[in-house]
């Protein structure tokens, strides 16, 4: 009787395990589709935002982009495209300009751990951010390995860079970061990697 009971239990348990795997697989597929849709929408909007920053911040005698303007624009855009939340602009700062940059902004460039950044060749501190993630202001995006590689890849190719999933700063959830380069002046139709790097003023990362 005990063997028969164990046999029945094992059969039922095996069936439950199969159903659980099927449900989990279905949930993973749904999550993957949702993430793909978010990335597709973000690709268009973040590219447009990068061009907006370039045009109104670097291609004018006086910048029309500040924290208030950036926050209002991204908030209004997010009303139409709810997936466009978690957008910042991170400026490229070389080490020789760090002291002047920090004095102008009134804060010190910090690492992902929110400690003063050690000396590096260059930094990518967040200077303006969507209101919902304004706590990222002053954080050096290049202090995170995933983000650093993403930034370098995006500016070298002139195309969007996308990280592998990792735990996002200030969040308990896994996500990805979509990054578009921002150029400080118009570049030739077929620029070299070096020309792209020289023209790069910063980048617009989107935390998804």
Protein backbone atom coordinates (compact mmCIF):
# COMPACT_ATOMS: atom_id res chain seq x y z
CA UNK A 1 0.00 0.00 0.00
CA UNK A 2 2.85 2.39 0.86
CA UNK A 3 4.53 1.73 -2.50
CA UNK A 4 1.23 2.31 -4.31
CA UNK A 5 0.72 5.59 -2.40
CA UNK A 6 4.22 6.74 -3.28
CA UNK A 7 3.61 5.84 -6.92
CA UNK A 8 0.44 7.96 -7.00
CA UNK A 9 2.19 10.84 -5.23
CA UNK A 10 5.12 10.77 -7.66
CA UNK A 11 2.78 10.78 -10.67
CA UNK A 12 0.76 13.73 -9.33
CA UNK A 13 3.91 15.61 -8.31
CA UNK A 14 5.45 15.06 -11.74
CA UNK A 15 2.30 16.46 -13.38
CA UNK A 16 2.39 19.53 -11.11
CA UNK A 17 6.06 20.14 -11.91
CA UNK A 18 5.35 19.96 -15.66
CA UNK A 19 2.49 22.46 -15.33
CA UNK A 20 4.65 24.79 -13.25
CA UNK A 21 7.39 24.72 -15.89
CA UNK A 22 4.84 25.45 -18.62
CA UNK A 23 3.42 28.40 -16.65
CA UNK A 24 6.91 29.74 -15.91
CA UNK A 25 7.91 29.39 -19.56
CA UNK A 26 4.77 31.26 -20.61
CA UNK A 27 5.46 34.06 -18.13
CA UNK A 28 9.04 34.36 -19.37
CA UNK A 29 7.83 34.57 -22.99
CA UNK A 30 5.33 37.28 -22.04
CA UNK A 31 8.00 39.24 -20.19
CA UNK A 32 10.36 38.95 -23.16
CA UNK A 33 7.67 40.24 -25.55
CA UNK A 34 6.85 43.15 -23.23
CA UNK A 35 10.53 44.07 -22.97
CA UNK A 36 10.95 43.85 -26.75
CA UNK A 37 7.97 46.19 -27.27
CA UNK A 38 9.37 48.64 -24.71
CA UNK A 39 12.75 48.64 -26.42
CA UNK A 40 11.17 49.22 -29.85
CA UNK A 41 9.22 52.23 -28.58
CA UNK A 42 12.20 53.51 -26.58
CA UNK A 43 14.49 53.21 -29.61
CA UNK A 44 12.46 55.81 -31.53
CA UNK A 45 11.81 58.18 -28.63
CA UNK A 46 15.29 58.12 -27.08
CA UNK A 47 16.87 58.71 -30.50
CA UNK A 48 14.59 61.75 -30.91
CA UNK A 49 15.50 62.96 -27.41
CA UNK A 50 19.24 62.62 -28.14
CA UNK A 51 18.79 64.74 -31.28
CA UNK A 52 16.74 67.26 -29.27
CA UNK A 53 19.50 67.65 -26.67
CA UNK A 54 22.09 68.02 -29.44
CA UNK A 55 20.05 70.68 -31.26
CA UNK A 56 18.93 72.76 -28.28
CA UNK A 57 21.90 72.31 -25.96
CA UNK A 58 24.97 72.24 -28.22
CA UNK A 59 23.87 73.78 -31.51
CA UNK A 60 22.68 77.07 -29.97
CA UNK A 61 24.62 80.03 -28.60
CA UNK A 62 22.84 79.59 -25.27
CA UNK A 63 21.44 76.25 -24.16
CA UNK A 64 17.68 75.76 -24.02
CA UNK A 65 18.02 72.53 -22.03
CA UNK A 66 18.13 72.57 -18.22
CA UNK A 67 16.79 70.28 -15.48
CA UNK A 68 13.33 71.87 -15.45
CA UNK A 69 12.93 71.80 -19.24
CA UNK A 70 14.24 68.24 -19.50
CA UNK A 71 11.96 67.04 -16.70
CA UNK A 72 8.86 68.68 -18.21
CA UNK A 73 9.55 67.40 -21.73
CA UNK A 74 10.20 63.81 -20.65
CA UNK A 75 7.18 63.84 -18.31
CA UNK A 76 4.89 64.96 -21.13
CA UNK A 77 6.39 62.40 -23.50
CA UNK A 78 5.88 59.67 -20.89
CA UNK A 79 2.16 60.52 -20.74
CA UNK A 80 1.86 59.49 -24.38
CA UNK A 81 4.41 56.68 -24.17
CA UNK A 82 4.26 55.28 -20.59
CA UNK A 83 7.22 53.03 -21.31
CA UNK A 84 9.45 56.12 -21.71
CA UNK A 85 10.28 56.42 -18.03
CA UNK A 86 13.80 56.45 -16.65
CA UNK A 87 15.58 58.83 -19.06
CA UNK A 88 18.64 60.96 -18.24
CA UNK A 89 21.30 62.94 -20.04
CA UNK A 90 24.89 62.11 -19.08
CA UNK A 91 27.53 64.58 -20.23
CA UNK A 92 30.97 63.55 -21.37
CA UNK A 93 33.63 65.12 -19.12
CA UNK A 94 37.36 64.58 -19.60
CA UNK A 95 39.51 64.59 -16.48
CA UNK A 96 41.23 67.88 -17.31
CA UNK A 97 37.81 69.61 -17.21
CA UNK A 98 36.53 67.85 -14.08
CA UNK A 99 37.36 70.57 -11.55
CA UNK A 100 35.73 73.32 -13.61
CA UNK A 101 32.71 71.12 -14.34
CA UNK A 102 32.15 70.26 -10.66
CA UNK A 103 32.51 73.91 -9.64
CA UNK A 104 29.93 74.96 -12.26
CA UNK A 105 27.39 72.38 -11.09
CA UNK A 106 28.09 72.63 -7.37
CA UNK A 107 28.50 68.91 -6.81
CA UNK A 108 31.13 66.19 -7.08
CA UNK A 109 30.99 63.43 -9.70
CA UNK A 110 30.04 60.22 -7.90
CA UNK A 111 30.30 56.50 -8.62
CA UNK A 112 27.36 54.09 -8.74
CA UNK A 113 28.02 53.51 -5.02
CA UNK A 114 27.50 57.28 -4.50
CA UNK A 115 31.09 57.88 -3.46
CA UNK A 116 33.32 60.59 -5.03
CA UNK A 117 34.62 59.20 -8.29
CA UNK A 118 38.31 58.29 -8.39
CA UNK A 119 40.44 59.88 -11.09
CA UNK A 120 39.61 58.54 -14.57
CA UNK A 121 40.42 59.62 -18.11
CA UNK A 122 36.79 60.62 -18.60
CA UNK A 123 33.41 60.53 -16.90
CA UNK A 124 29.74 60.52 -17.87
CA UNK A 125 27.91 62.23 -14.98
CA UNK A 126 24.14 62.63 -15.17
CA UNK A 127 23.45 66.37 -15.44
CA UNK A 128 19.69 66.35 -16.11
CA UNK A 129 17.19 63.59 -15.43
CA UNK A 130 13.55 62.70 -15.62
CA UNK A 131 11.92 63.72 -12.35
CA UNK A 132 11.24 60.11 -11.31
CA UNK A 133 14.96 59.29 -11.26
CA UNK A 134 16.42 62.68 -10.36
CA UNK A 135 18.43 60.90 -7.64
CA UNK A 136 20.83 59.82 -10.41
CA UNK A 137 22.08 63.39 -10.91
CA UNK A 138 25.90 63.55 -10.48
CA UNK A 139 26.26 59.74 -10.88
CA UNK A 140 28.98 58.75 -13.35
CA UNK A 141 27.41 56.31 -15.80
CA UNK A 142 30.86 55.10 -16.80
CA UNK A 143 31.57 53.88 -13.28
CA UNK A 144 29.36 50.84 -13.96
CA UNK A 145 31.01 48.17 -16.14
CA UNK A 146 27.84 47.38 -18.13
CA UNK A 147 27.08 51.06 -18.70
CA UNK A 148 30.68 51.95 -19.60
CA UNK A 149 30.84 49.29 -22.33
CA UNK A 150 27.41 50.38 -23.56
CA UNK A 151 28.46 54.03 -23.81
CA UNK A 152 31.71 53.22 -25.63
CA UNK A 153 29.87 50.94 -28.06
CA UNK A 154 27.12 53.49 -28.77
CA UNK A 155 29.45 56.39 -29.50
CA UNK A 156 31.83 54.29 -31.62
CA UNK A 157 29.00 53.06 -33.86
CA UNK A 158 26.65 56.03 -33.72
CA UNK A 159 23.85 53.58 -33.00
CA UNK A 160 21.95 52.58 -29.89
CA UNK A 161 23.81 50.49 -27.35
CA UNK A 162 21.94 47.95 -25.24
CA UNK A 163 23.25 46.26 -22.11
CA UNK A 164 22.60 42.72 -20.99
CA UNK A 165 20.04 42.45 -18.15
CA UNK A 166 21.45 43.49 -14.76
CA UNK A 167 20.19 44.92 -11.46
CA UNK A 168 19.53 48.60 -12.08
CA UNK A 169 20.76 51.26 -9.68
CA UNK A 170 18.14 52.16 -7.08
CA UNK A 171 15.97 49.20 -8.08
CA UNK A 172 15.44 45.63 -6.95
CA UNK A 173 14.52 44.61 -10.49
CA UNK A 174 16.57 43.38 -13.41
CA UNK A 175 16.55 45.61 -16.46
CA UNK A 176 18.53 46.88 -19.40
CA UNK A 177 19.89 50.28 -20.41
CA UNK A 178 19.39 51.64 -23.93
CA UNK A 179 21.93 54.36 -24.79
CA UNK A 180 22.08 56.85 -27.68
CA UNK A 181 25.07 59.14 -28.28
CA UNK A 182 24.63 62.93 -28.36
CA UNK A 183 26.90 64.91 -30.69
CA UNK A 184 28.02 68.50 -30.11
CA UNK A 185 28.18 69.27 -33.81
CA UNK A 186 27.14 67.75 -37.13
CA UNK A 187 29.44 65.00 -38.35
CA UNK A 188 30.09 63.74 -41.85
CA UNK A 189 27.74 61.13 -43.36
CA UNK A 190 30.38 58.42 -43.05
CA UNK A 191 32.51 59.38 -40.03
CA UNK A 192 35.36 57.30 -38.68
CA UNK A 193 35.22 55.93 -35.15
CA UNK A 194 37.68 58.62 -34.05
CA UNK A 195 35.50 61.36 -35.56
CA UNK A 196 32.47 59.99 -33.72
CA UNK A 197 34.36 59.91 -30.43
CA UNK A 198 35.64 63.47 -30.90
CA UNK A 199 32.13 64.72 -31.71
CA UNK A 200 30.48 62.96 -28.76
CA UNK A 201 29.20 65.41 -26.15
CA UNK A 202 27.39 62.85 -24.01
CA UNK A 203 24.65 60.26 -24.16
CA UNK A 204 21.00 59.66 -23.33
CA UNK A 205 20.60 56.42 -21.38
CA UNK A 206 17.13 54.96 -20.85
CA UNK A 207 16.67 52.59 -17.91
CA UNK A 208 14.13 49.94 -18.97
